């Protein structure tokens, strides 16, 4: 009975772990720009996500490298506080969103 219970709990743990991995959004790490950074109107955005995800920066698609890293430049036309929205979405439709607020100065 103890072996059956151990096997059942192991199977339940494995299924739970797989369910968790299927339902979590892709990881998204933004390295540039930092939060509250002072930037020019051309802003470099760099980060990393899952290699099979799709990434958008302010709703504009960004190309991923094979290792999941990405880099793009966006133009912010006005001075002052501005929010940059970065989204990574996987094939199952799960998405991770990061936002950076920057101060634009010409």
N, C-alpha and C. Protein backbone atom coordinates (compact mmCIF):
# COMPACT_ATOMS: atom_id res chain seq x y z
N UNK A 1 0.83 -1.20 0.00
CA UNK A 1 0.00 0.00 0.00
C UNK A 1 0.87 1.26 0.00
N UNK A 2 2.00 1.20 0.72
CA UNK A 2 2.90 2.35 0.78
C UNK A 2 3.53 2.62 -0.59
N UNK A 3 3.89 1.58 -1.32
CA UNK A 3 4.48 1.75 -2.66
C UNK A 3 3.45 2.31 -3.65
N UNK A 4 2.22 1.86 -3.55
CA UNK A 4 1.16 2.37 -4.43
C UNK A 4 0.92 3.85 -4.13
N UNK A 5 0.87 4.19 -2.85
CA UNK A 5 0.66 5.59 -2.47
C UNK A 5 1.82 6.47 -2.95
N UNK A 6 3.05 5.97 -2.82
CA UNK A 6 4.23 6.72 -3.29
C UNK A 6 4.19 6.89 -4.80
N UNK A 7 3.85 5.86 -5.53
CA UNK A 7 3.76 5.96 -6.98
C UNK A 7 2.66 6.93 -7.39
N UNK A 8 1.53 6.89 -6.72
CA UNK A 8 0.42 7.79 -7.03
C UNK A 8 0.82 9.25 -6.76
N UNK A 9 1.45 9.51 -5.62
CA UNK A 9 1.87 10.87 -5.30
C UNK A 9 2.95 11.37 -6.26
N UNK A 10 3.84 10.49 -6.67
CA UNK A 10 4.86 10.87 -7.65
C UNK A 10 4.21 11.24 -8.98
N UNK A 11 3.28 10.43 -9.43
CA UNK A 11 2.57 10.71 -10.67
C UNK A 11 1.78 12.02 -10.57
N UNK A 12 1.12 12.23 -9.46
CA UNK A 12 0.36 13.46 -9.24
C UNK A 12 1.28 14.68 -9.26
N UNK A 13 2.44 14.55 -8.63
CA UNK A 13 3.42 15.65 -8.64
C UNK A 13 3.92 15.95 -10.03
N UNK A 14 4.20 14.91 -10.82
CA UNK A 14 4.67 15.08 -12.19
C UNK A 14 3.60 15.77 -13.05
N UNK A 15 2.38 15.33 -12.95
CA UNK A 15 1.28 15.93 -13.72
C UNK A 15 1.09 17.39 -13.31
N UNK A 16 1.16 17.67 -12.02
CA UNK A 16 1.03 19.05 -11.55
C UNK A 16 2.14 19.94 -12.07
N UNK A 17 3.36 19.43 -12.08
CA UNK A 17 4.50 20.19 -12.58
C UNK A 17 4.33 20.49 -14.07
N UNK A 18 3.91 19.50 -14.86
CA UNK A 18 3.71 19.70 -16.28
C UNK A 18 2.57 20.68 -16.55
N UNK A 19 1.51 20.61 -15.78
CA UNK A 19 0.38 21.55 -15.93
C UNK A 19 0.85 22.97 -15.63
N UNK A 20 1.66 23.14 -14.59
CA UNK A 20 2.19 24.45 -14.24
C UNK A 20 3.03 25.00 -15.40
N UNK A 21 3.91 24.18 -15.96
CA UNK A 21 4.76 24.63 -17.07
C UNK A 21 3.95 25.00 -18.31
N UNK A 22 2.86 24.31 -18.56
CA UNK A 22 2.03 24.63 -19.72
C UNK A 22 1.24 25.92 -19.53
N UNK A 23 0.93 26.28 -18.30
CA UNK A 23 0.07 27.43 -18.05
C UNK A 23 0.80 28.70 -17.64
N UNK A 24 2.11 28.65 -17.47
CA UNK A 24 2.83 29.86 -17.09
C UNK A 24 3.21 30.64 -18.36
N UNK A 25 3.24 31.96 -18.26
CA UNK A 25 3.64 32.77 -19.42
C UNK A 25 5.14 32.65 -19.65
N UNK A 26 5.61 33.03 -20.84
CA UNK A 26 7.05 32.97 -21.09
C UNK A 26 7.78 33.97 -20.21
N UNK A 27 9.00 33.63 -19.83
CA UNK A 27 9.79 34.56 -19.04
C UNK A 27 10.18 35.74 -19.92
N UNK A 28 10.23 36.92 -19.33
CA UNK A 28 10.60 38.13 -20.05
C UNK A 28 11.49 38.97 -19.14
N UNK A 29 12.72 39.19 -19.56
CA UNK A 29 13.67 39.99 -18.78
C UNK A 29 14.15 41.15 -19.65
N UNK A 30 13.96 42.36 -19.18
CA UNK A 30 14.37 43.56 -19.91
C UNK A 30 15.64 44.10 -19.25
N UNK A 31 16.70 44.26 -20.04
CA UNK A 31 17.95 44.78 -19.48
C UNK A 31 18.14 46.27 -19.75
N UNK A 32 17.62 46.75 -20.88
CA UNK A 32 17.73 48.16 -21.25
C UNK A 32 16.40 48.58 -21.83
N UNK A 33 15.82 49.69 -21.46
CA UNK A 33 16.27 50.71 -20.53
C UNK A 33 15.90 50.37 -19.08
N UNK A 34 16.57 51.00 -18.18
CA UNK A 34 16.24 50.87 -16.77
C UNK A 34 14.98 51.70 -16.47
N UNK A 35 14.28 51.34 -15.44
CA UNK A 35 13.11 52.11 -14.99
C UNK A 35 13.55 53.52 -14.59
N UNK A 36 12.81 54.53 -15.01
CA UNK A 36 13.05 55.95 -14.73
C UNK A 36 14.35 56.48 -15.34
N UNK A 37 14.86 55.83 -16.39
CA UNK A 37 16.08 56.29 -17.06
C UNK A 37 15.80 57.56 -17.84
N UNK A 38 16.81 58.41 -17.96
CA UNK A 38 16.71 59.61 -18.79
C UNK A 38 17.30 59.22 -20.14
N UNK A 39 16.49 59.36 -21.20
CA UNK A 39 16.87 58.90 -22.53
C UNK A 39 16.63 59.98 -23.57
N UNK A 40 17.23 59.79 -24.76
CA UNK A 40 16.96 60.66 -25.90
C UNK A 40 15.71 60.15 -26.60
N UNK A 41 15.37 60.77 -27.73
CA UNK A 41 14.15 60.35 -28.42
C UNK A 41 14.29 58.96 -29.06
N UNK A 42 15.51 58.54 -29.40
CA UNK A 42 15.78 57.19 -29.89
C UNK A 42 16.12 56.34 -28.67
N UNK A 43 15.31 55.32 -28.38
CA UNK A 43 15.50 54.51 -27.18
C UNK A 43 15.82 53.08 -27.58
N UNK A 44 16.93 52.58 -27.05
CA UNK A 44 17.31 51.19 -27.27
C UNK A 44 16.59 50.32 -26.25
N UNK A 45 15.96 49.24 -26.73
CA UNK A 45 15.27 48.28 -25.86
C UNK A 45 15.94 46.92 -26.07
N UNK A 46 16.45 46.33 -24.99
CA UNK A 46 17.11 45.03 -25.05
C UNK A 46 16.51 44.12 -24.00
N UNK A 47 16.46 42.82 -24.33
CA UNK A 47 15.96 41.87 -23.35
C UNK A 47 16.12 40.45 -23.82
N UNK A 48 15.48 39.55 -23.07
CA UNK A 48 15.56 38.12 -23.36
C UNK A 48 14.24 37.47 -22.98
N UNK A 49 13.85 36.46 -23.78
CA UNK A 49 12.64 35.69 -23.52
C UNK A 49 12.83 34.28 -24.05
N UNK A 50 11.79 33.51 -24.05
CA UNK A 50 11.84 32.15 -24.60
C UNK A 50 12.06 32.25 -26.11
N UNK A 51 12.95 31.43 -26.67
CA UNK A 51 13.26 31.54 -28.11
C UNK A 51 12.08 31.35 -29.05
N UNK A 52 11.01 30.69 -28.62
CA UNK A 52 9.87 30.47 -29.51
C UNK A 52 8.74 31.46 -29.29
N UNK A 53 8.96 32.46 -28.45
CA UNK A 53 7.93 33.47 -28.19
C UNK A 53 7.97 34.53 -29.30
N UNK A 54 6.92 35.33 -29.36
CA UNK A 54 6.92 36.51 -30.23
C UNK A 54 6.94 37.73 -29.32
N UNK A 55 7.71 38.74 -29.72
CA UNK A 55 7.90 39.92 -28.89
C UNK A 55 7.44 41.15 -29.63
N UNK A 56 6.75 42.03 -28.92
CA UNK A 56 6.40 43.34 -29.46
C UNK A 56 6.85 44.41 -28.47
N UNK A 57 7.29 45.54 -29.02
CA UNK A 57 7.65 46.70 -28.22
C UNK A 57 6.75 47.83 -28.71
N UNK A 58 5.90 48.32 -27.82
CA UNK A 58 4.89 49.33 -28.19
C UNK A 58 4.11 48.87 -29.43
N UNK A 59 3.70 47.61 -29.41
CA UNK A 59 2.89 46.96 -30.45
C UNK A 59 3.61 46.74 -31.77
N UNK A 60 4.93 47.01 -31.83
CA UNK A 60 5.71 46.77 -33.04
C UNK A 60 6.48 45.46 -32.89
N UNK A 61 6.37 44.52 -33.85
CA UNK A 61 7.06 43.24 -33.73
C UNK A 61 8.58 43.41 -33.73
N UNK A 62 9.24 42.54 -32.97
CA UNK A 62 10.70 42.57 -32.84
C UNK A 62 11.24 41.19 -33.18
N UNK A 63 12.35 41.14 -33.92
CA UNK A 63 12.98 39.87 -34.28
C UNK A 63 13.76 39.32 -33.09
N UNK A 64 13.64 38.01 -32.88
CA UNK A 64 14.38 37.33 -31.82
C UNK A 64 15.60 36.64 -32.39
N UNK A 65 16.66 36.60 -31.60
CA UNK A 65 17.85 35.81 -31.93
C UNK A 65 17.56 34.36 -31.54
N UNK A 66 18.32 33.40 -32.04
CA UNK A 66 18.07 31.99 -31.70
C UNK A 66 18.11 31.69 -30.20
N UNK A 67 18.84 32.49 -29.43
CA UNK A 67 18.92 32.26 -27.99
C UNK A 67 17.81 32.97 -27.21
N UNK A 68 16.91 33.68 -27.90
CA UNK A 68 15.80 34.36 -27.26
C UNK A 68 16.07 35.81 -26.92
N UNK A 69 17.27 36.30 -27.23
CA UNK A 69 17.56 37.71 -26.95
C UNK A 69 16.99 38.58 -28.08
N UNK A 70 16.75 39.83 -27.75
CA UNK A 70 16.25 40.76 -28.76
C UNK A 70 16.78 42.15 -28.46
N UNK A 71 16.78 42.97 -29.51
CA UNK A 71 17.25 44.35 -29.42
C UNK A 71 16.55 45.14 -30.50
N UNK A 72 16.02 46.30 -30.15
CA UNK A 72 15.38 47.17 -31.12
C UNK A 72 15.49 48.61 -30.64
N UNK A 73 15.31 49.53 -31.56
CA UNK A 73 15.29 50.95 -31.22
C UNK A 73 13.91 51.50 -31.54
N UNK A 74 13.38 52.28 -30.61
CA UNK A 74 12.08 52.92 -30.86
C UNK A 74 12.26 54.43 -30.79
N UNK A 75 11.36 55.12 -31.42
CA UNK A 75 11.39 56.59 -31.44
C UNK A 75 10.23 57.10 -30.59
N UNK A 76 10.55 57.99 -29.66
CA UNK A 76 9.53 58.64 -28.84
C UNK A 76 9.53 60.12 -29.22
N UNK A 77 8.45 60.61 -29.81
CA UNK A 77 8.46 61.94 -30.42
C UNK A 77 8.31 63.12 -29.47
N UNK A 78 8.04 62.89 -28.20
CA UNK A 78 7.83 64.06 -27.32
C UNK A 78 8.62 63.92 -26.02
N UNK A 79 8.96 65.06 -25.46
CA UNK A 79 9.70 65.08 -24.20
C UNK A 79 8.77 64.76 -23.03
N UNK A 80 9.38 64.35 -21.94
CA UNK A 80 8.61 64.07 -20.73
C UNK A 80 8.56 62.59 -20.44
N UNK A 81 7.71 62.24 -19.48
CA UNK A 81 7.57 60.83 -19.11
C UNK A 81 6.87 60.05 -20.22
N UNK A 82 7.39 58.88 -20.49
CA UNK A 82 6.80 58.01 -21.50
C UNK A 82 6.91 56.57 -21.02
N UNK A 83 5.93 55.75 -21.37
CA UNK A 83 5.93 54.35 -20.97
C UNK A 83 6.18 53.48 -22.19
N UNK A 84 7.12 52.56 -22.05
CA UNK A 84 7.43 51.59 -23.10
C UNK A 84 6.86 50.25 -22.64
N UNK A 85 6.06 49.62 -23.50
CA UNK A 85 5.42 48.34 -23.18
C UNK A 85 6.04 47.24 -24.02
N UNK A 86 6.58 46.22 -23.35
CA UNK A 86 7.19 45.08 -24.01
C UNK A 86 6.37 43.85 -23.67
N UNK A 87 5.96 43.09 -24.70
CA UNK A 87 5.14 41.90 -24.49
C UNK A 87 5.77 40.71 -25.19
N UNK A 88 5.84 39.59 -24.47
CA UNK A 88 6.27 38.31 -25.04
C UNK A 88 5.08 37.37 -24.97
N UNK A 89 4.74 36.75 -26.10
CA UNK A 89 3.59 35.85 -26.17
C UNK A 89 4.05 34.51 -26.73
N UNK A 90 3.62 33.41 -26.08
CA UNK A 90 3.98 32.09 -26.57
C UNK A 90 2.90 31.55 -27.51
N UNK A 91 3.13 30.35 -28.03
CA UNK A 91 2.19 29.76 -28.99
C UNK A 91 0.82 29.47 -28.40
N UNK A 92 0.75 29.26 -27.11
CA UNK A 92 -0.53 28.96 -26.46
C UNK A 92 -1.32 30.22 -26.12
N UNK A 93 -0.75 31.39 -26.43
CA UNK A 93 -1.44 32.64 -26.17
C UNK A 93 -1.15 33.24 -24.82
N UNK A 94 -0.30 32.61 -24.02
CA UNK A 94 0.08 33.16 -22.72
C UNK A 94 1.06 34.29 -22.96
N UNK A 95 0.90 35.39 -22.24
CA UNK A 95 1.79 36.52 -22.46
C UNK A 95 2.34 37.08 -21.15
N UNK A 96 3.53 37.63 -21.27
CA UNK A 96 4.19 38.33 -20.17
C UNK A 96 4.41 39.76 -20.64
N UNK A 97 4.06 40.72 -19.79
CA UNK A 97 4.18 42.13 -20.16
C UNK A 97 5.07 42.83 -19.14
N UNK A 98 6.03 43.59 -19.65
CA UNK A 98 6.88 44.44 -18.83
C UNK A 98 6.71 45.87 -19.34
N UNK A 99 6.73 46.82 -18.42
CA UNK A 99 6.67 48.22 -18.80
C UNK A 99 7.83 48.97 -18.17
N UNK A 100 8.36 49.92 -18.91
CA UNK A 100 9.42 50.78 -18.42
C UNK A 100 8.96 52.22 -18.62
N UNK A 101 9.04 53.00 -17.57
CA UNK A 101 8.75 54.42 -17.66
C UNK A 101 10.08 55.14 -17.76
N UNK A 102 10.23 55.96 -18.80
CA UNK A 102 11.46 56.67 -19.03
C UNK A 102 11.19 58.17 -19.16
N UNK A 103 12.20 58.98 -18.89
CA UNK A 103 12.11 60.43 -19.05
C UNK A 103 12.85 60.79 -20.35
N UNK A 104 12.11 61.29 -21.32
CA UNK A 104 12.70 61.66 -22.62
C UNK A 104 13.11 63.12 -22.57
N UNK A 105 14.38 63.36 -22.89
CA UNK A 105 14.91 64.73 -22.97
C UNK A 105 15.67 64.88 -24.28
N UNK A 106 15.36 65.95 -25.03
CA UNK A 106 16.05 66.20 -26.29
C UNK A 106 17.32 66.96 -26.05
